[in-house]
PDB file of N, CA and C in Angstrom:
ATOM      1  N   MET A   1       0.675  -1.290  -0.071  1.00  0.00           N
ATOM      2  CA  MET A   1       0.123  -0.024   0.076  1.00  0.00           C
ATOM      3  C   MET A   1       0.702   1.136   0.129  1.00  0.00           C
ATOM      4  N   SER A   2       1.868   1.335  -0.678  1.00  0.00           N
ATOM      5  CA  SER A   2       2.820   2.326  -0.877  1.00  0.00           C
ATOM      6  C   SER A   2       2.284   3.468  -1.218  1.00  0.00           C
ATOM      7  N   SER A   3       1.400   3.348  -2.099  1.00  0.00           N
ATOM      8  CA  SER A   3       1.084   4.433  -2.607  1.00  0.00           C
ATOM      9  C   SER A   3      -0.191   5.295  -1.980  1.00  0.00           C
ATOM     10  N   THR A   4      -0.691   4.663  -0.937  1.00  0.00           N
ATOM     11  CA  THR A   4      -1.725   4.926  -0.017  1.00  0.00           C
ATOM     12  C   THR A   4      -1.243   5.880   1.175  1.00  0.00           C
ATOM     13  N   PRO A   5      -1.901   6.941   1.582  1.00  0.00           N
ATOM     14  CA  PRO A   5      -1.266   7.741   2.371  1.00  0.00           C
ATOM     15  C   PRO A   5      -1.580   6.993   3.799  1.00  0.00           C
ATOM     16  N   SER A   6      -0.615   7.465   4.676  1.00  0.00           N
ATOM     17  CA  SER A   6      -0.619   7.002   6.318  1.00  0.00           C
ATOM     18  C   SER A   6      -1.832   7.333   6.814  1.00  0.00           C
ATOM     19  N   ARG A   7      -2.673   8.809   6.586  1.00  0.00           N
ATOM     20  CA  ARG A   7      -3.728   8.907   7.386  1.00  0.00           C
ATOM     21  C   ARG A   7      -4.476   9.800   6.692  1.00  0.00           C
ATOM     22  N   PHE A   8      -6.010   9.900   7.046  1.00  0.00           N
ATOM     23  CA  PHE A   8      -6.597  10.419   6.271  1.00  0.00           C
ATOM     24  C   PHE A   8      -7.335  11.546   7.300  1.00  0.00           C
ATOM     25  N   ARG A   9      -8.493  12.566   6.432  1.00  0.00           N
ATOM     26  CA  ARG A   9      -9.019  13.594   7.114  1.00  0.00           C
ATOM     27  C   ARG A   9     -10.289  13.408   6.518  1.00  0.00           C
ATOM     28  N   VAL A  10     -11.339  13.256   7.511  1.00  0.00           N
ATOM     29  CA  VAL A  10     -12.775  13.087   6.947  1.00  0.00           C
ATOM     30  C   VAL A  10     -13.164  14.874   6.548  1.00  0.00           C
ATOM     31  N   SER A  11     -13.759  14.889   5.398  1.00  0.00           N
ATOM     32  CA  SER A  11     -14.044  15.935   4.822  1.00  0.00           C
ATOM     33  C   SER A  11     -15.333  16.712   5.711  1.00  0.00           C
ATOM     34  N   PRO A  12     -15.033  18.019   5.950  1.00  0.00           N
ATOM     35  CA  PRO A  12     -16.221  18.774   6.741  1.00  0.00           C
ATOM     36  C   PRO A  12     -17.556  18.657   5.902  1.00  0.00           C
ATOM     37  N   ASP A  13     -17.678  18.384   4.901  1.00  0.00           N
ATOM     38  CA  ASP A  13     -18.891  18.003   4.186  1.00  0.00           C
ATOM     39  C   ASP A  13     -19.545  16.512   4.092  1.00  0.00           C
ATOM     40  N   ALA A  14     -18.716  15.710   5.134  1.00  0.00           N
ATOM     41  CA  ALA A  14     -19.303  14.357   4.851  1.00  0.00           C
ATOM     42  C   ALA A  14     -19.966  14.362   6.389  1.00  0.00           C
ATOM     43  N   VAL A  15     -21.137  13.657   6.119  1.00  0.00           N
ATOM     44  CA  VAL A  15     -22.052  13.284   7.178  1.00  0.00           C
ATOM     45  C   VAL A  15     -22.177  11.928   7.349  1.00  0.00           C
ATOM     46  N   ALA A  16     -21.775  11.354   8.530  1.00  0.00           N
ATOM     47  CA  ALA A  16     -22.518   9.717   8.605  1.00  0.00           C
ATOM     48  C   ALA A  16     -23.293   9.422  10.122  1.00  0.00           C
ATOM     49  N   THR A  17     -24.257   8.787   9.174  1.00  0.00           N
ATOM     50  CA  THR A  17     -25.348   8.352  10.397  1.00  0.00           C
ATOM     51  C   THR A  17     -25.329   6.920  10.299  1.00  0.00           C
ATOM     52  N   ARG A  18     -25.406   6.357  11.597  1.00  0.00           N
ATOM     53  CA  ARG A  18     -25.423   5.060  11.673  1.00  0.00           C
ATOM     54  C   ARG A  18     -26.752   4.590  11.744  1.00  0.00           C
ATOM     55  N   MET A  19     -27.076   3.755  10.927  1.00  0.00           N
ATOM     56  CA  MET A  19     -28.374   3.095  10.794  1.00  0.00           C
ATOM     57  C   MET A  19     -28.367   1.802  11.740  1.00  0.00           C
ATOM     58  N   ASP A  20     -27.810   0.875  11.972  1.00  0.00           N
ATOM     59  CA  ASP A  20     -27.362  -0.083  13.037  1.00  0.00           C
ATOM     60  C   ASP A  20     -25.989  -0.313  13.387  1.00  0.00           C
ATOM     61  N   ILE A  21     -25.876  -1.406  14.198  1.00  0.00           N
ATOM     62  CA  ILE A  21     -24.404  -1.466  14.752  1.00  0.00           C
ATOM     63  C   ILE A  21     -23.562  -2.090  13.435  1.00  0.00           C
ATOM     64  N   ASN A  22     -24.125  -2.641  12.335  1.00  0.00           N
ATOM     65  CA  ASN A  22     -23.450  -3.049  11.020  1.00  0.00           C
ATOM     66  C   ASN A  22     -23.454  -1.817   9.884  1.00  0.00           C
ATOM     67  N   GLU A  23     -24.045  -0.675  10.099  1.00  0.00           N
ATOM     68  CA  GLU A  23     -24.213   0.185   8.740  1.00  0.00           C
ATOM     69  C   GLU A  23     -24.210   1.292   9.158  1.00  0.00           C
ATOM     70  N   ILE A  24     -23.395   2.277   8.039  1.00  0.00           N
ATOM     71  CA  ILE A  24     -23.077   3.496   8.215  1.00  0.00           C
ATOM     72  C   ILE A  24     -23.465   4.046   6.903  1.00  0.00           C
ATOM     73  N   VAL A  25     -24.286   5.187   6.956  1.00  0.00           N
ATOM     74  CA  VAL A  25     -24.683   5.733   5.475  1.00  0.00           C
ATOM     75  C   VAL A  25     -23.855   6.946   5.584  1.00  0.00           C
ATOM     76  N   LEU A  26     -22.987   7.425   4.378  1.00  0.00           N
ATOM     77  CA  LEU A  26     -22.478   8.738   4.421  1.00  0.00           C
ATOM     78  C   LEU A  26     -23.112   9.213   3.277  1.00  0.00           C
ATOM     79  N   VAL A  27     -23.138  10.606   3.544  1.00  0.00           N
ATOM     80  CA  VAL A  27     -23.466  11.632   2.757  1.00  0.00           C
ATOM     81  C   VAL A  27     -22.577  12.929   2.571  1.00  0.00           C
ATOM     82  N   HIS A  28     -22.399  13.211   1.248  1.00  0.00           N
ATOM     83  CA  HIS A  28     -21.629  14.286   0.818  1.00  0.00           C
ATOM     84  C   HIS A  28     -22.504  15.419   0.837  1.00  0.00           C
ATOM     85  N   LEU A  29     -22.521  16.300   1.723  1.00  0.00           N
ATOM     86  CA  LEU A  29     -23.233  17.424   1.577  1.00  0.00           C
ATOM     87  C   LEU A  29     -23.456  18.167   0.282  1.00  0.00           C
ATOM     88  N   LYS A  30     -22.099  18.560  -0.570  1.00  0.00           N
ATOM     89  CA  LYS A  30     -22.162  19.140  -1.506  1.00  0.00           C
ATOM     90  C   LYS A  30     -22.446  18.591  -3.027  1.00  0.00           C
ATOM     91  N   THR A  31     -22.482  17.313  -2.727  1.00  0.00           N
ATOM     92  CA  THR A  31     -22.441  16.534  -4.139  1.00  0.00           C
ATOM     93  C   THR A  31     -23.540  15.519  -3.785  1.00  0.00           C
ATOM     94  N   ASP A  32     -24.294  15.538  -2.723  1.00  0.00           N
ATOM     95  CA  ASP A  32     -25.429  14.510  -2.412  1.00  0.00           C
ATOM     96  C   ASP A  32     -25.137  13.137  -3.023  1.00  0.00           C
ATOM     97  N   ARG A  33     -24.128  12.720  -2.745  1.00  0.00           N
ATOM     98  CA  ARG A  33     -23.788  11.414  -3.117  1.00  0.00           C
ATOM     99  C   ARG A  33     -23.772  10.756  -1.763  1.00  0.00           C
ATOM    100  N   ILE A  34     -24.389   9.639  -1.910  1.00  0.00           N
ATOM    101  CA  ILE A  34     -24.529   8.396  -0.551  1.00  0.00           C
ATOM    102  C   ILE A  34     -23.741   7.283  -0.708  1.00  0.00           C
ATOM    103  N   LEU A  35     -23.188   6.888   0.223  1.00  0.00           N
ATOM    104  CA  LEU A  35     -22.380   5.483   0.054  1.00  0.00           C
ATOM    105  C   LEU A  35     -22.888   4.766   1.394  1.00  0.00           C
ATOM    106  N   VAL A  36     -23.010   3.701   1.386  1.00  0.00           N
ATOM    107  CA  VAL A  36     -23.546   2.865   2.742  1.00  0.00           C
ATOM    108  C   VAL A  36     -22.374   1.858   2.786  1.00  0.00           C
ATOM    109  N   LEU A  37     -22.138   2.151   4.022  1.00  0.00           N
ATOM    110  CA  LEU A  37     -21.146   0.905   4.591  1.00  0.00           C
ATOM    111  C   LEU A  37     -21.514  -0.289   5.391  1.00  0.00           C
ATOM    112  N   ASN A  38     -20.882  -1.282   5.019  1.00  0.00           N
ATOM    113  CA  ASN A  38     -21.664  -2.626   5.649  1.00  0.00           C
ATOM    114  C   ASN A  38     -20.773  -2.540   7.047  1.00  0.00           C
ATOM    115  N   GLY A  39     -20.706  -3.712   7.544  1.00  0.00           N
ATOM    116  CA  GLY A  39     -20.253  -3.920   9.019  1.00  0.00           C
ATOM    117  C   GLY A  39     -18.795  -3.474   8.919  1.00  0.00           C
ATOM    118  N   THR A  40     -18.031  -4.121   8.212  1.00  0.00           N
ATOM    119  CA  THR A  40     -16.273  -3.699   8.116  1.00  0.00           C
ATOM    120  C   THR A  40     -16.179  -2.772   7.776  1.00  0.00           C
ATOM    121  N   GLY A  41     -16.905  -2.069   6.725  1.00  0.00           N
ATOM    122  CA  GLY A  41     -16.557  -0.546   6.537  1.00  0.00           C
ATOM    123  C   GLY A  41     -17.085   0.213   7.254  1.00  0.00           C
ATOM    124  N   SER A  42     -18.020  -0.008   8.283  1.00  0.00           N
ATOM    125  CA  SER A  42     -18.391   0.709   9.468  1.00  0.00           C
ATOM    126  C   SER A  42     -17.258   1.008  10.254  1.00  0.00           C
ATOM    127  N   HIS A  43     -16.803  -0.350  10.602  1.00  0.00           N
ATOM    128  CA  HIS A  43     -15.552  -0.366  11.394  1.00  0.00           C
ATOM    129  C   HIS A  43     -14.583   0.216  11.009  1.00  0.00           C
ATOM    130  N   VAL A  44     -14.298   0.096   9.802  1.00  0.00           N
ATOM    131  CA  VAL A  44     -12.881   0.913   9.346  1.00  0.00           C
ATOM    132  C   VAL A  44     -13.411   2.396   9.560  1.00  0.00           C
ATOM    133  N   TRP A  45     -14.541   2.593   9.020  1.00  0.00           N
ATOM    134  CA  TRP A  45     -14.378   4.260   9.355  1.00  0.00           C
ATOM    135  C   TRP A  45     -14.583   4.786  10.612  1.00  0.00           C
ATOM    136  N   ASP A  46     -15.127   3.981  11.642  1.00  0.00           N
ATOM    137  CA  ASP A  46     -15.143   4.553  13.261  1.00  0.00           C
ATOM    138  C   ASP A  46     -13.474   4.560  13.443  1.00  0.00           C
ATOM    139  N   LEU A  47     -12.476   3.742  12.899  1.00  0.00           N
ATOM    140  CA  LEU A  47     -11.230   3.963  13.490  1.00  0.00           C
ATOM    141  C   LEU A  47     -10.659   5.225  12.647  1.00  0.00           C
ATOM    142  N   LEU A  48     -11.070   5.402  11.413  1.00  0.00           N
ATOM    143  CA  LEU A  48     -10.895   6.210  10.703  1.00  0.00           C
ATOM    144  C   LEU A  48     -11.221   7.626  11.448  1.00  0.00           C
ATOM    145  N   VAL A  49     -12.331   7.932  11.960  1.00  0.00           N
ATOM    146  CA  VAL A  49     -12.958   9.117  12.688  1.00  0.00           C
ATOM    147  C   VAL A  49     -12.231   9.413  13.813  1.00  0.00           C
ATOM    148  N   ALA A  50     -11.786   8.116  14.337  1.00  0.00           N
ATOM    149  CA  ALA A  50     -11.011   8.073  15.692  1.00  0.00           C
ATOM    150  C   ALA A  50      -9.500   8.884  15.527  1.00  0.00           C
ATOM    151  N   GLY A  51      -9.063   8.745  14.578  1.00  0.00           N
ATOM    152  CA  GLY A  51      -7.676   9.487  14.253  1.00  0.00           C
ATOM    153  C   GLY A  51      -6.662   8.458  13.924  1.00  0.00           C
ATOM    154  N   PHE A  52      -7.069   7.223  13.822  1.00  0.00           N
ATOM    155  CA  PHE A  52      -5.994   5.903  13.591  1.00  0.00           C
ATOM    156  C   PHE A  52      -5.258   6.229  12.326  1.00  0.00           C
ATOM    157  N   GLU A  53      -4.043   5.786  12.169  1.00  0.00           N
ATOM    158  CA  GLU A  53      -3.314   5.870  11.120  1.00  0.00           C
ATOM    159  C   GLU A  53      -3.651   4.220  10.399  1.00  0.00           C
ATOM    160  N   LEU A  54      -3.358   4.648   9.286  1.00  0.00           N
ATOM    161  CA  LEU A  54      -3.877   3.271   8.312  1.00  0.00           C
ATOM    162  C   LEU A  54      -2.957   1.851   8.974  1.00  0.00           C
ATOM    163  N   ALA A  55      -2.030   1.911   9.050  1.00  0.00           N
ATOM    164  CA  ALA A  55      -1.145   0.849   9.681  1.00  0.00           C
ATOM    165  C   ALA A  55      -1.871   0.495  10.990  1.00  0.00           C
ATOM    166  N   GLU A  56      -2.234   1.175  12.062  1.00  0.00           N
ATOM    167  CA  GLU A  56      -3.001   0.637  12.911  1.00  0.00           C
ATOM    168  C   GLU A  56      -4.559   0.194  12.547  1.00  0.00           C
ATOM    169  N   ILE A  57      -5.346   0.840  11.877  1.00  0.00           N
ATOM    170  CA  ILE A  57      -6.578   0.659  11.307  1.00  0.00           C
ATOM    171  C   ILE A  57      -6.172  -1.109  10.881  1.00  0.00           C
ATOM    172  N   ARG A  58      -5.195  -1.128   9.951  1.00  0.00           N
ATOM    173  CA  ARG A  58      -4.709  -2.492   9.492  1.00  0.00           C
ATOM    174  C   ARG A  58      -4.578  -3.504  10.327  1.00  0.00           C
ATOM    175  N   ARG A  59      -3.766  -3.002  11.584  1.00  0.00           N
ATOM    176  CA  ARG A  59      -3.666  -3.984  12.616  1.00  0.00           C
ATOM    177  C   ARG A  59      -4.921  -4.695  13.131  1.00  0.00           C
ATOM    178  N   ARG A  60      -5.798  -3.448  13.596  1.00  0.00           N
ATOM    179  CA  ARG A  60      -6.883  -3.861  14.301  1.00  0.00           C
ATOM    180  C   ARG A  60      -7.980  -4.628  13.596  1.00  0.00           C
ATOM    181  N   ILE A  61      -8.207  -4.229  12.505  1.00  0.00           N
ATOM    182  CA  ILE A  61      -9.183  -5.427  11.546  1.00  0.00           C
ATOM    183  C   ILE A  61      -8.495  -6.598  11.369  1.00  0.00           C
ATOM    184  N   LEU A  62      -7.215  -6.999  11.496  1.00  0.00           N
ATOM    185  CA  LEU A  62      -6.688  -8.271  11.271  1.00  0.00           C
ATOM    186  C   LEU A  62      -6.735  -9.008  12.307  1.00  0.00           C
ATOM    187  N   GLU A  63      -6.524  -8.362  13.792  1.00  0.00           N
ATOM    188  CA  GLU A  63      -7.242  -9.042  14.734  1.00  0.00           C
ATOM    189  C   GLU A  63      -8.362  -9.489  15.200  1.00  0.00           C
ATOM    190  N   GLU A  64      -9.505  -8.710  14.422  1.00  0.00           N
ATOM    191  CA  GLU A  64     -10.745  -8.749  14.692  1.00  0.00           C
ATOM    192  C   GLU A  64     -11.444  -9.625  13.932  1.00  0.00           C
ATOM    193  N   PHE A  65     -11.052  -9.613  12.367  1.00  0.00           N
ATOM    194  CA  PHE A  65     -11.564 -10.281  11.271  1.00  0.00           C
ATOM    195  C   PHE A  65     -10.552 -11.484  10.867  1.00  0.00           C
ATOM    196  N   ASP A  66     -11.167 -12.476  10.040  1.00  0.00           N
ATOM    197  CA  ASP A  66     -10.290 -13.663   9.578  1.00  0.00           C
ATOM    198  C   ASP A  66     -10.152 -13.340   8.182  1.00  0.00           C
ATOM    199  N   LEU A  67      -9.337 -12.454   7.935  1.00  0.00           N
ATOM    200  CA  LEU A  67      -9.010 -12.241   6.547  1.00  0.00           C
ATOM    201  C   LEU A  67      -7.295 -12.665   6.037  1.00  0.00           C
ATOM    202  N   PRO A  68      -7.084 -12.687   5.439  1.00  0.00           N
ATOM    203  CA  PRO A  68      -5.458 -12.749   4.899  1.00  0.00           C
ATOM    204  C   PRO A  68      -4.998 -11.444   4.747  1.00  0.00           C
ATOM    205  N   GLU A  69      -3.535 -11.157   5.084  1.00  0.00           N
ATOM    206  CA  GLU A  69      -3.221  -9.824   5.256  1.00  0.00           C
ATOM    207  C   GLU A  69      -3.172  -9.292   3.819  1.00  0.00           C
ATOM    208  N   ASP A  70      -2.991 -10.115   2.667  1.00  0.00           N
ATOM    209  CA  ASP A  70      -2.254  -9.264   1.378  1.00  0.00           C
ATOM    210  C   ASP A  70      -3.977  -9.053   0.973  1.00  0.00           C
ATOM    211  N   ARG A  71      -5.132  -9.485   1.287  1.00  0.00           N
ATOM    212  CA  ARG A  71      -6.327  -9.643   1.130  1.00  0.00           C
ATOM    213  C   ARG A  71      -6.791  -8.300   1.266  1.00  0.00           C
ATOM    214  N   LEU A  72      -6.624  -7.942   2.811  1.00  0.00           N
ATOM    215  CA  LEU A  72      -7.185  -6.945   3.575  1.00  0.00           C
ATOM    216  C   LEU A  72      -6.296  -5.752   2.728  1.00  0.00           C
ATOM    217  N   ALA A  73      -4.848  -5.767   2.950  1.00  0.00           N
ATOM    218  CA  ALA A  73      -4.225  -4.623   2.186  1.00  0.00           C
ATOM    219  C   ALA A  73      -4.900  -4.223   0.885  1.00  0.00           C
ATOM    220  N   GLY A  74      -5.304  -5.006  -0.242  1.00  0.00           N
ATOM    221  CA  GLY A  74      -5.996  -4.520  -1.126  1.00  0.00           C
ATOM    222  C   GLY A  74      -7.261  -4.112  -1.272  1.00  0.00           C
ATOM    223  N   GLU A  75      -8.244  -4.467   0.083  1.00  0.00           N
ATOM    224  CA  GLU A  75      -9.401  -4.133   0.201  1.00  0.00           C
ATOM    225  C   GLU A  75      -9.571  -2.722   1.010  1.00  0.00           C
ATOM    226  N   LEU A  76      -8.377  -2.659   1.797  1.00  0.00           N
ATOM    227  CA  LEU A  76      -8.349  -1.395   2.386  1.00  0.00           C
ATOM    228  C   LEU A  76      -7.746  -0.425   1.340  1.00  0.00           C
ATOM    229  N   GLU A  77      -7.198  -0.513   0.585  1.00  0.00           N
ATOM    230  CA  GLU A  77      -6.945   0.430  -0.507  1.00  0.00           C
ATOM    231  C   GLU A  77      -7.703   0.815  -1.374  1.00  0.00           C
ATOM    232  N   GLU A  78      -8.433  -0.234  -1.790  1.00  0.00           N
ATOM    233  CA  GLU A  78      -9.906   0.326  -2.637  1.00  0.00           C
ATOM    234  C   GLU A  78     -10.887   0.857  -1.866  1.00  0.00           C
ATOM    235  N   PHE A  79     -10.955   0.485  -0.759  1.00  0.00           N
ATOM    236  CA  PHE A  79     -11.826   1.398   0.459  1.00  0.00           C
ATOM    237  C   PHE A  79     -11.559   2.645   0.377  1.00  0.00           C
ATOM    238  N   PHE A  80     -10.165   3.022   0.743  1.00  0.00           N
ATOM    239  CA  PHE A  80      -9.856   4.407   0.749  1.00  0.00           C
ATOM    240  C   PHE A  80      -9.762   5.051  -0.350  1.00  0.00           C
ATOM    241  N   ALA A  81      -9.523   4.423  -1.172  1.00  0.00           N
ATOM    242  CA  ALA A  81      -9.658   5.134  -3.126  1.00  0.00           C
ATOM    243  C   ALA A  81     -11.377   5.879  -3.055  1.00  0.00           C
ATOM    244  N   SER A  82     -12.255   4.904  -2.951  1.00  0.00           N
ATOM    245  CA  SER A  82     -13.555   4.849  -3.113  1.00  0.00           C
ATOM    246  C   SER A  82     -13.986   6.205  -1.999  1.00  0.00           C
ATOM    247  N   LEU A  83     -13.600   5.976  -1.147  1.00  0.00           N
ATOM    248  CA  LEU A  83     -13.859   7.182   0.153  1.00  0.00           C
ATOM    249  C   LEU A  83     -13.241   8.612  -0.472  1.00  0.00           C
ATOM    250  N   THR A  84     -11.947   8.703  -0.880  1.00  0.00           N
ATOM    251  CA  THR A  84     -11.371   9.614  -1.795  1.00  0.00           C
ATOM    252  C   THR A  84     -12.078  10.185  -2.729  1.00  0.00           C
ATOM    253  N   SER A  85     -12.302   9.494  -3.800  1.00  0.00           N
ATOM    254  CA  SER A  85     -13.049   9.597  -4.960  1.00  0.00           C
ATOM    255  C   SER A  85     -14.312  10.385  -4.891  1.00  0.00           C
ATOM    256  N   GLU A  86     -14.916   9.807  -4.001  1.00  0.00           N
ATOM    257  CA  GLU A  86     -16.491  10.363  -3.318  1.00  0.00           C
ATOM    258  C   GLU A  86     -16.379  11.753  -2.485  1.00  0.00           C
ATOM    259  N   GLN A  87     -15.135  12.285  -2.222  1.00  0.00           N
ATOM    260  CA  GLN A  87     -14.504  13.198  -1.635  1.00  0.00           C
ATOM    261  C   GLN A  87     -15.392  13.499  -0.176  1.00  0.00           C
ATOM    262  N   LEU A  88     -15.163  12.199   0.430  1.00  0.00           N
ATOM    263  CA  LEU A  88     -15.385  11.828   1.873  1.00  0.00           C
ATOM    264  C   LEU A  88     -14.568  12.061   2.887  1.00  0.00           C
ATOM    265  N   ILE A  89     -13.144  11.680   2.376  1.00  0.00           N
ATOM    266  CA  ILE A  89     -12.057  11.790   2.806  1.00  0.00           C
ATOM    267  C   ILE A  89     -10.797  12.509   2.074  1.00  0.00           C
ATOM    268  N   SER A  90      -9.805  12.916   2.816  1.00  0.00           N
ATOM    269  CA  SER A  90      -8.457  13.199   1.656  1.00  0.00           C
ATOM    270  C   SER A  90      -7.378  12.995   2.582  1.00  0.00           C
ATOM    271  N   PRO A  91      -6.033  12.731   1.802  1.00  0.00           N
ATOM    272  CA  PRO A  91      -4.881  12.525   2.518  1.00  0.00           C
ATOM    273  C   PRO A  91      -4.850  13.596   3.483  1.00  0.00           C
ATOM    274  N   ASP A  92      -4.184  12.930   4.601  1.00  0.00           N
ATOM    275  CA  ASP A  92      -3.904  14.037   5.538  1.00  0.00           C
ATOM    276  C   ASP A  92      -2.186  14.186   5.704  1.00  0.00           C
ATOM    277  N   GLY A  93      -1.948  15.644   5.268  1.00  0.00           N
ATOM    278  CA  GLY A  93      -0.283  15.602   5.416  1.00  0.00           C
ATOM    279  C   GLY A  93       0.190  15.938   6.580  1.00  0.00           C
ATOM    280  N   ASP A  94      -0.733  16.093   7.731  1.00  0.00           N
ATOM    281  CA  ASP A  94      -0.248  16.503   9.067  1.00  0.00           C
ATOM    282  C   ASP A  94      -0.218  15.119   9.526  1.00  0.00           C
ATOM    283  N   GLY A  95      -0.269  13.992   9.209  1.00  0.00           N
ATOM    284  CA  GLY A  95      -0.025  12.785   9.979  1.00  0.00           C
ATOM    285  C   GLY A  95       1.084  11.909   9.386  1.00  0.00           C
TER     286      GLY A  95
END
């Protein structure tokens, strides 16, 4: 994941609403785009909002879910790329 930044910042235009323990709905207020996160995505979002760096997020997810490390790395890269393309997060140069 060398091309992925180590930390991200949530857009001030992103609103997250927890629908239940396993689902978060993200809305970008300026684009009106909506993204629904499943249980794993919701957990990653919670860690992201809490300010954890990508390496710590990866470590925690590996501890909690039965996923091969290489598969998780690819899925996290895709997840963060999707959130970035939807303008819900951006790389945090201060991290």
